[in-house]
C-alpha atoms as a PDB file:
ATOM      1  CA  MET A   1      15.757  -1.169   8.571  1.00  0.00           C
ATOM      2  CA  SER A   2      17.132   1.056  11.091  1.00  0.00           C
ATOM      3  CA  SER A   3      17.333   4.704  10.633  1.00  0.00           C
ATOM      4  CA  ALA A   4      19.232   7.561  11.918  1.00  0.00           C
ATOM      5  CA  VAL A   5      16.460   9.330  12.730  1.00  0.00           C
ATOM      6  CA  THR A   6      13.452   7.815  14.506  1.00  0.00           C
ATOM      7  CA  ARG A   7       9.700   9.668  14.136  1.00  0.00           C
ATOM      8  CA  PRO A   8       8.847  11.866  17.034  1.00  0.00           C
ATOM      9  CA  PHE A   9       7.049  10.154  19.857  1.00  0.00           C
ATOM     10  CA  ASP A  10       6.007  11.393  23.340  1.00  0.00           C
ATOM     11  CA  PHE A  11       7.474   9.296  25.974  1.00  0.00           C
ATOM     12  CA  ARG A  12       6.256  11.506  28.843  1.00  0.00           C
ATOM     13  CA  LEU A  13       2.678  10.150  27.565  1.00  0.00           C
ATOM     14  CA  ALA A  14       3.747   6.867  26.678  1.00  0.00           C
ATOM     15  CA  LEU A  15       5.284   6.095  29.914  1.00  0.00           C
ATOM     16  CA  GLY A  16       3.152   8.400  32.150  1.00  0.00           C
ATOM     17  CA  ALA A  17       0.048   7.176  31.315  1.00  0.00           C
ATOM     18  CA  PRO A  18       0.331   3.610  32.268  1.00  0.00           C
ATOM     19  CA  LEU A  19       2.481   4.768  35.582  1.00  0.00           C
ATOM     20  CA  CYS A  20      -0.323   6.901  36.464  1.00  0.00           C
ATOM     21  CA  ALA A  21      -2.744   3.963  35.947  1.00  0.00           C
ATOM     22  CA  MET A  22      -0.740   1.874  38.598  1.00  0.00           C
ATOM     23  CA  ALA A  23      -0.653   4.397  40.781  1.00  0.00           C
ATOM     24  CA  LEU A  24      -4.150   4.414  40.778  1.00  0.00           C
ATOM     25  CA  LEU A  25      -4.622   0.487  40.908  1.00  0.00           C
ATOM     26  CA  LEU A  26      -2.716   0.766  44.126  1.00  0.00           C
ATOM     27  CA  LEU A  27      -4.742   3.733  45.615  1.00  0.00           C
ATOM     28  CA  LEU A  28      -8.030   2.347  44.557  1.00  0.00           C
ATOM     29  CA  ASP A  29      -8.695  -1.425  45.350  1.00  0.00           C
ATOM     30  CA  PRO A  30     -10.000  -2.929  41.970  1.00  0.00           C
ATOM     31  CA  SER A  31     -11.186  -6.032  43.818  1.00  0.00           C
ATOM     32  CA  GLY A  32     -14.788  -4.700  43.536  1.00  0.00           C
ATOM     33  CA  LEU A  33     -14.754  -4.644  39.810  1.00  0.00           C
ATOM     34  CA  ASP A  34     -12.970  -7.958  39.620  1.00  0.00           C
ATOM     35  CA  PHE A  35     -15.664 -10.246  41.854  1.00  0.00           C
ATOM     36  CA  TYR A  36     -18.301  -8.478  39.793  1.00  0.00           C
ATOM     37  CA  LEU A  37     -16.077  -9.657  36.539  1.00  0.00           C
ATOM     38  CA  ALA A  38     -15.516 -13.319  38.238  1.00  0.00           C
ATOM     39  CA  HIS A  39     -19.062 -13.974  39.460  1.00  0.00           C
ATOM     40  CA  LEU A  40     -20.384 -13.842  35.789  1.00  0.00           C
ATOM     41  CA  PHE A  41     -18.142 -16.678  35.037  1.00  0.00           C
ATOM     42  CA  TYR A  42     -18.731 -18.808  38.408  1.00  0.00           C
ATOM     43  CA  GLN A  43     -21.616 -21.199  38.813  1.00  0.00           C
ATOM     44  CA  PRO A  44     -21.865 -22.010  42.133  1.00  0.00           C
ATOM     45  CA  GLY A  45     -21.850 -25.602  42.767  1.00  0.00           C
ATOM     46  CA  GLN A  46     -19.980 -26.284  39.135  1.00  0.00           C
ATOM     47  CA  GLY A  47     -17.273 -24.048  39.153  1.00  0.00           C
ATOM     48  CA  PHE A  48     -16.172 -21.394  36.552  1.00  0.00           C
ATOM     49  CA  ILE A  49     -17.564 -22.415  33.173  1.00  0.00           C
ATOM     50  CA  GLY A  50     -14.479 -22.407  31.429  1.00  0.00           C
ATOM     51  CA  ARG A  51     -12.270 -24.410  33.901  1.00  0.00           C
ATOM     52  CA  HIS A  52     -12.178 -27.900  31.705  1.00  0.00           C
ATOM     53  CA  SER A  53     -12.818 -26.211  28.715  1.00  0.00           C
ATOM     54  CA  PHE A  54     -10.641 -28.061  25.735  1.00  0.00           C
ATOM     55  CA  TRP A  55     -10.821 -24.901  23.713  1.00  0.00           C
ATOM     56  CA  LEU A  56      -9.832 -22.465  26.464  1.00  0.00           C
ATOM     57  CA  GLU A  57      -7.173 -24.752  27.968  1.00  0.00           C
ATOM     58  CA  ASP A  58      -5.767 -26.770  25.084  1.00  0.00           C
ATOM     59  CA  ILE A  59      -5.712 -24.597  22.117  1.00  0.00           C
ATOM     60  CA  LEU A  60      -6.205 -20.759  23.735  1.00  0.00           C
ATOM     61  CA  HIS A  61      -3.929 -21.757  26.194  1.00  0.00           C
ATOM     62  CA  ASP A  62      -1.274 -24.566  25.431  1.00  0.00           C
ATOM     63  CA  ARG A  63      -1.204 -24.090  21.484  1.00  0.00           C
ATOM     64  CA  ALA A  64      -1.391 -20.430  21.560  1.00  0.00           C
ATOM     65  CA  LYS A  65       1.199 -20.256  24.110  1.00  0.00           C
ATOM     66  CA  GLN A  66       3.553 -22.580  21.802  1.00  0.00           C
ATOM     67  CA  ALA A  67       2.990 -20.494  18.671  1.00  0.00           C
ATOM     68  CA  LEU A  68       4.406 -17.328  20.667  1.00  0.00           C
ATOM     69  CA  ILE A  69       7.435 -19.332  21.846  1.00  0.00           C
ATOM     70  CA  ALA A  70       8.103 -20.318  18.064  1.00  0.00           C
ATOM     71  CA  VAL A  71       7.780 -16.462  17.587  1.00  0.00           C
ATOM     72  CA  GLY A  72      10.338 -15.533  19.874  1.00  0.00           C
ATOM     73  CA  ILE A  73      12.595 -18.312  19.242  1.00  0.00           C
ATOM     74  CA  MET A  74      12.625 -16.989  15.460  1.00  0.00           C
ATOM     75  CA  ALA A  75      13.352 -13.328  16.798  1.00  0.00           C
ATOM     76  CA  ILE A  76      16.647 -15.169  18.581  1.00  0.00           C
ATOM     77  CA  VAL A  77      17.285 -17.094  15.143  1.00  0.00           C
ATOM     78  CA  GLY A  78      17.173 -13.766  13.646  1.00  0.00           C
ATOM     79  CA  PHE A  79      19.294 -11.946  15.563  1.00  0.00           C
ATOM     80  CA  ALA A  80      21.904 -14.740  15.850  1.00  0.00           C
ATOM     81  CA  LEU A  81      21.807 -14.657  12.149  1.00  0.00           C
ATOM     82  CA  SER A  82      22.241 -10.440  11.928  1.00  0.00           C
ATOM     83  CA  LEU A  83      25.301 -11.148  14.141  1.00  0.00           C
ATOM     84  CA  LEU A  84      27.224 -13.560  11.677  1.00  0.00           C
ATOM     85  CA  HIS A  85      26.062 -11.812   8.649  1.00  0.00           C
ATOM     86  CA  ARG A  86      27.258  -8.115   7.366  1.00  0.00           C
ATOM     87  CA  GLY A  87      23.593  -8.144   5.290  1.00  0.00           C
ATOM     88  CA  GLY A  88      21.906  -8.452   8.500  1.00  0.00           C
ATOM     89  CA  ARG A  89      23.468  -5.463   9.942  1.00  0.00           C
ATOM     90  CA  ALA A  90      20.162  -3.373   9.438  1.00  0.00           C
ATOM     91  CA  TRP A  91      18.029  -5.367  11.105  1.00  0.00           C
ATOM     92  CA  ARG A  92      20.478  -6.453  14.199  1.00  0.00           C
ATOM     93  CA  ARG A  93      19.277  -3.593  16.612  1.00  0.00           C
ATOM     94  CA  PRO A  94      15.427  -3.795  15.812  1.00  0.00           C
ATOM     95  CA  LEU A  95      15.674  -7.592  16.206  1.00  0.00           C
ATOM     96  CA  GLY A  96      17.770  -7.294  19.177  1.00  0.00           C
ATOM     97  CA  TYR A  97      15.540  -5.108  20.756  1.00  0.00           C
ATOM     98  CA  LEU A  98      12.613  -7.499  19.969  1.00  0.00           C
ATOM     99  CA  VAL A  99      14.465 -10.351  21.928  1.00  0.00           C
ATOM    100  CA  LEU A 100      14.919  -8.476  24.819  1.00  0.00           C
ATOM    101  CA  SER A 101      11.631  -6.963  25.055  1.00  0.00           C
ATOM    102  CA  LEU A 102       9.882 -10.205  24.389  1.00  0.00           C
ATOM    103  CA  ALA A 103      12.064 -11.677  26.970  1.00  0.00           C
ATOM    104  CA  LEU A 104      11.711  -9.050  29.459  1.00  0.00           C
ATOM    105  CA  SER A 105       7.760  -9.131  29.202  1.00  0.00           C
ATOM    106  CA  THR A 106       7.346 -12.610  29.720  1.00  0.00           C
ATOM    107  CA  SER A 107      10.036 -13.150  32.105  1.00  0.00           C
ATOM    108  CA  ILE A 108       9.244 -10.879  34.794  1.00  0.00           C
ATOM    109  CA  VAL A 109       5.679 -12.589  35.319  1.00  0.00           C
ATOM    110  CA  THR A 110       7.322 -15.447  37.453  1.00  0.00           C
ATOM    111  CA  PRO A 111       9.091 -13.328  39.998  1.00  0.00           C
ATOM    112  CA  LEU A 112       6.541 -11.092  40.312  1.00  0.00           C
ATOM    113  CA  LYS A 113       3.998 -14.009  41.189  1.00  0.00           C
ATOM    114  CA  ALA A 114       6.495 -15.283  43.873  1.00  0.00           C
ATOM    115  CA  VAL A 115       6.725 -12.030  45.789  1.00  0.00           C
ATOM    116  CA  THR A 116       3.183 -10.903  45.187  1.00  0.00           C
ATOM    117  CA  GLY A 117       1.553 -14.233  46.622  1.00  0.00           C
ATOM    118  CA  MET A 118      -1.438 -13.327  45.010  1.00  0.00           C
ATOM    119  CA  HIS A 119      -4.476 -15.966  45.155  1.00  0.00           C
ATOM    120  CA  CYS A 120      -6.385 -17.261  41.610  1.00  0.00           C
ATOM    121  CA  PRO A 121     -10.179 -16.829  41.607  1.00  0.00           C
ATOM    122  CA  TRP A 122     -10.627 -20.780  41.858  1.00  0.00           C
ATOM    123  CA  SER A 123      -8.560 -20.497  45.076  1.00  0.00           C
ATOM    124  CA  LEU A 124     -10.545 -18.409  46.792  1.00  0.00           C
ATOM    125  CA  SER A 125     -13.461 -19.423  49.665  1.00  0.00           C
ATOM    126  CA  GLU A 126     -15.561 -17.237  47.358  1.00  0.00           C
ATOM    127  CA  PHE A 127     -15.654 -19.329  44.205  1.00  0.00           C
ATOM    128  CA  GLY A 128     -15.147 -22.756  45.738  1.00  0.00           C
ATOM    129  CA  GLY A 129     -11.844 -22.636  46.841  1.00  0.00           C
ATOM    130  CA  THR A 130     -10.104 -22.583  50.488  1.00  0.00           C
ATOM    131  CA  GLU A 131      -8.130 -19.527  50.657  1.00  0.00           C
ATOM    132  CA  THR A 132      -8.451 -16.404  51.763  1.00  0.00           C
ATOM    133  CA  PHE A 133      -8.825 -12.819  49.518  1.00  0.00           C
ATOM    134  CA  THR A 134      -6.210  -9.894  50.296  1.00  0.00           C
ATOM    135  CA  PRO A 135      -5.307  -7.175  48.197  1.00  0.00           C
ATOM    136  CA  LEU A 136      -2.166  -6.561  46.580  1.00  0.00           C
ATOM    137  CA  LEU A 137      -0.387  -4.454  48.978  1.00  0.00           C
ATOM    138  CA  GLY A 138      -2.547  -6.349  52.030  1.00  0.00           C
ATOM    139  CA  GLU A 139      -1.117  -7.939  54.544  1.00  0.00           C
ATOM    140  CA  ARG A 140      -1.330 -11.865  53.837  1.00  0.00           C
ATOM    141  CA  ALA A 141      -3.435 -13.480  57.024  1.00  0.00           C
ATOM    142  CA  PRO A 142      -0.935 -15.682  59.306  1.00  0.00           C
ATOM    143  CA  GLY A 143       0.077 -19.123  57.806  1.00  0.00           C
ATOM    144  CA  GLU A 144      -1.829 -18.452  54.627  1.00  0.00           C
ATOM    145  CA  LYS A 145      -0.528 -20.581  51.602  1.00  0.00           C
ATOM    146  CA  ALA A 146       0.730 -18.117  48.966  1.00  0.00           C
ATOM    147  CA  GLY A 147      -0.390 -17.934  45.774  1.00  0.00           C
ATOM    148  CA  ARG A 148       1.060 -17.024  42.012  1.00  0.00           C
ATOM    149  CA  CYS A 149      -1.826 -15.576  40.022  1.00  0.00           C
ATOM    150  CA  TRP A 150      -0.727 -11.528  39.821  1.00  0.00           C
ATOM    151  CA  PRO A 151       0.379 -10.554  36.772  1.00  0.00           C
ATOM    152  CA  GLY A 152      -1.354 -12.574  34.595  1.00  0.00           C
ATOM    153  CA  GLY A 153       1.235 -14.474  32.826  1.00  0.00           C
ATOM    154  CA  HIS A 154      -0.683 -16.111  30.061  1.00  0.00           C
ATOM    155  CA  ALA A 155      -1.931 -12.147  28.945  1.00  0.00           C
ATOM    156  CA  SER A 156       1.844 -11.715  28.875  1.00  0.00           C
ATOM    157  CA  ALA A 157       2.314 -13.597  25.822  1.00  0.00           C
ATOM    158  CA  GLY A 158      -0.202 -11.627  23.758  1.00  0.00           C
ATOM    159  CA  PHE A 159       0.635  -8.225  25.325  1.00  0.00           C
ATOM    160  CA  SER A 160       4.661  -8.553  24.880  1.00  0.00           C
ATOM    161  CA  LEU A 161       3.765  -8.283  21.299  1.00  0.00           C
ATOM    162  CA  ILE A 162       3.541  -4.840  21.772  1.00  0.00           C
ATOM    163  CA  ALA A 163       6.991  -4.555  20.932  1.00  0.00           C
ATOM    164  CA  LEU A 164       6.685  -5.193  17.184  1.00  0.00           C
ATOM    165  CA  PHE A 165       4.654  -1.749  16.925  1.00  0.00           C
ATOM    166  CA  PHE A 166       7.862  -0.415  18.275  1.00  0.00           C
ATOM    167  CA  VAL A 167       9.829  -2.353  15.872  1.00  0.00           C
ATOM    168  CA  LEU A 168       7.801  -1.062  13.028  1.00  0.00           C
ATOM    169  CA  ARG A 169       6.889   2.425  14.131  1.00  0.00           C
ATOM    170  CA  ASP A 170       9.328   4.061  12.489  1.00  0.00           C
ATOM    171  CA  ARG A 171       9.606   2.654   9.062  1.00  0.00           C
ATOM    172  CA  TYR A 172       6.129   0.606   8.570  1.00  0.00           C
ATOM    173  CA  PRO A 173       3.882   2.947  10.617  1.00  0.00           C
ATOM    174  CA  ARG A 174       0.448   1.214   9.318  1.00  0.00           C
ATOM    175  CA  LEU A 175       2.038  -2.015   9.646  1.00  0.00           C
ATOM    176  CA  ALA A 176       2.948  -0.778  12.830  1.00  0.00           C
ATOM    177  CA  ARG A 177      -0.424  -0.058  13.726  1.00  0.00           C
ATOM    178  CA  VAL A 178      -1.451  -3.341  12.630  1.00  0.00           C
ATOM    179  CA  ALA A 179       0.792  -4.757  15.085  1.00  0.00           C
ATOM    180  CA  LEU A 180      -0.371  -2.733  18.101  1.00  0.00           C
ATOM    181  CA  ALA A 181      -4.055  -4.085  17.324  1.00  0.00           C
ATOM    182  CA  ILE A 182      -2.903  -7.922  17.261  1.00  0.00           C
ATOM    183  CA  ALA A 183      -0.799  -7.651  19.947  1.00  0.00           C
ATOM    184  CA  LEU A 184      -3.985  -5.727  22.071  1.00  0.00           C
ATOM    185  CA  GLY A 185      -6.523  -8.184  20.302  1.00  0.00           C
ATOM    186  CA  LEU A 186      -4.002 -11.381  21.368  1.00  0.00           C
ATOM    187  CA  GLY A 187      -3.918 -10.254  25.151  1.00  0.00           C
ATOM    188  CA  ALA A 188      -7.237  -9.250  25.546  1.00  0.00           C
ATOM    189  CA  VAL A 189      -8.425 -12.702  24.237  1.00  0.00           C
ATOM    190  CA  PHE A 190      -5.793 -14.401  26.389  1.00  0.00           C
ATOM    191  CA  SER A 191      -7.478 -12.396  29.474  1.00  0.00           C
ATOM    192  CA  LEU A 192     -10.878 -13.479  28.978  1.00  0.00           C
ATOM    193  CA  GLY A 193     -10.158 -16.706  28.432  1.00  0.00           C
ATOM    194  CA  ARG A 194      -8.246 -16.808  31.616  1.00  0.00           C
ATOM    195  CA  MET A 195     -10.608 -14.906  33.324  1.00  0.00           C
ATOM    196  CA  MET A 196     -13.523 -17.610  32.453  1.00  0.00           C
ATOM    197  CA  GLN A 197     -11.444 -20.424  34.061  1.00  0.00           C
ATOM    198  CA  GLY A 198     -10.938 -18.723  37.020  1.00  0.00           C
ATOM    199  CA  ALA A 199      -7.094 -18.219  36.750  1.00  0.00           C
ATOM    200  CA  HIS A 200      -7.003 -14.532  36.869  1.00  0.00           C
ATOM    201  CA  PHE A 201      -9.036 -11.437  38.021  1.00  0.00           C
ATOM    202  CA  PHE A 202      -9.456  -8.413  35.351  1.00  0.00           C
ATOM    203  CA  SER A 203      -6.910  -6.448  37.270  1.00  0.00           C
ATOM    204  CA  HIS A 204      -4.510  -9.285  36.965  1.00  0.00           C
ATOM    205  CA  ASN A 205      -4.219  -8.838  33.018  1.00  0.00           C
ATOM    206  CA  LEU A 206      -4.412  -5.106  32.864  1.00  0.00           C
ATOM    207  CA  TRP A 207      -1.273  -4.926  35.119  1.00  0.00           C
ATOM    208  CA  THR A 208       0.346  -7.183  32.523  1.00  0.00           C
ATOM    209  CA  LEU A 209      -0.565  -4.813  29.700  1.00  0.00           C
ATOM    210  CA  LEU A 210       0.587  -1.996  31.885  1.00  0.00           C
ATOM    211  CA  LEU A 211       4.067  -3.671  32.453  1.00  0.00           C
ATOM    212  CA  ASP A 212       4.524  -4.944  28.977  1.00  0.00           C
ATOM    213  CA  TRP A 213       3.783  -1.537  27.550  1.00  0.00           C
ATOM    214  CA  THR A 214       6.265   0.146  29.818  1.00  0.00           C
ATOM    215  CA  ILE A 215       9.076  -2.304  28.968  1.00  0.00           C
ATOM    216  CA  CYS A 216       8.882  -2.265  25.498  1.00  0.00           C
ATOM    217  CA  ALA A 217       8.431   1.781  25.783  1.00  0.00           C
ATOM    218  CA  LEU A 218      11.550   2.109  27.534  1.00  0.00           C
ATOM    219  CA  ASN A 219      13.334  -0.608  25.681  1.00  0.00           C
ATOM    220  CA  TYR A 220      12.298   1.917  22.560  1.00  0.00           C
ATOM    221  CA  ARG A 221      13.955   4.786  23.851  1.00  0.00           C
ATOM    222  CA  TRP A 222      17.266   3.371  24.877  1.00  0.00           C
ATOM    223  CA  LEU A 223      17.967   1.080  21.749  1.00  0.00           C
ATOM    224  CA  LEU A 224      15.724   2.116  18.795  1.00  0.00           C
ATOM    225  CA  TYR A 225      14.724   5.859  19.479  1.00  0.00           C
ATOM    226  CA  ARG A 226      17.052   8.834  17.653  1.00  0.00           C
ATOM    227  CA  SER A 227      16.017  11.712  18.591  1.00  0.00           C
ATOM    228  CA  GLN A 228      15.966  14.902  15.444  1.00  0.00           C
ATOM    229  CA  PRO A 229      19.608  16.354  15.075  1.00  0.00           C
ATOM    230  CA  LEU A 230      20.003  19.621  15.315  1.00  0.00           C
ATOM    231  CA  THR A 231      21.988  19.795  11.936  1.00  0.00           C
ATOM    232  CA  GLN A 232      19.010  18.453  10.156  1.00  0.00           C
ATOM    233  CA  ALA A 233      18.781  20.532   6.511  1.00  0.00           C
ATOM    234  CA  THR A 234      16.153  23.024   6.459  1.00  0.00           C
ATOM    235  CA  PRO A 235      14.608  24.901   3.680  1.00  0.00           C
ATOM    236  CA  GLY A 236      16.342  28.374   4.965  1.00  0.00           C
ATOM    237  CA  THR A 237      19.459  26.218   5.349  1.00  0.00           C
ATOM    238  CA  ALA A 238      19.182  25.065   1.460  1.00  0.00           C
ATOM    239  CA  LEU A 239      18.942  28.531   0.541  1.00  0.00           C
ATOM    240  CA  LEU A 240      22.151  29.514   2.586  1.00  0.00           C
ATOM    241  CA  ASN A 241      23.784  26.852   0.618  1.00  0.00           C
ATOM    242  CA  GLY A 242      23.142  28.319  -2.726  1.00  0.00           C
ATOM    243  CA  GLY A 243      20.235  26.110  -3.295  1.00  0.00           C
ATOM    244  CA  GLN A 244      21.502  22.656  -2.969  1.00  0.00           C
ATOM    245  CA  ALA A 245      20.035  20.472  -0.031  1.00  0.00           C
END
């Protein structure tokens, strides 16, 4: 499956755009939009409309997460088999990339939650909780209990599948676009579901998308991308060689 030469890819755009978006999120506090969207799913005196929803919690959260864990396990098994059998050599690097990208995209969430200490909407006083909202880079109030809600963990389960786009783009570009659409769609659905439950603000999930895309793109550059070799034959070179390419 691996190729000596990959299709051209603009890493300046692929990495520059999400990095610029991250910078804007840090400079322009998105809490106004976050609170506006959160209030759409909140009913005073009753809480968030999806807080106790069977479909959102048991199906869209628990079962969907288990299904995506199964995808990760299959990638690990496939990579292990490629190490044991010569016939799997062509798949070794793509599967290794997939395992690494899925692992980094999802495992980075827990330490970031611990470091940032941001609260979930359902914990805030504006939505029936007891905690005070603090922006991502804001100073926490003395004695305030730390939250664990940034970035969006469940969203990362969907957005981490962006890795499939990079695995497929060089040999199967159409299938790669389908994989990208599925990854973005799942991440968006998971994000919306958790927003309806009051578990995350919109910006929490947007950060997850930006981080996961950046991780997958960097790993692609490191593990799979092969730039165009200078010695590749061209029509002019073929003529100089007596018409033999």
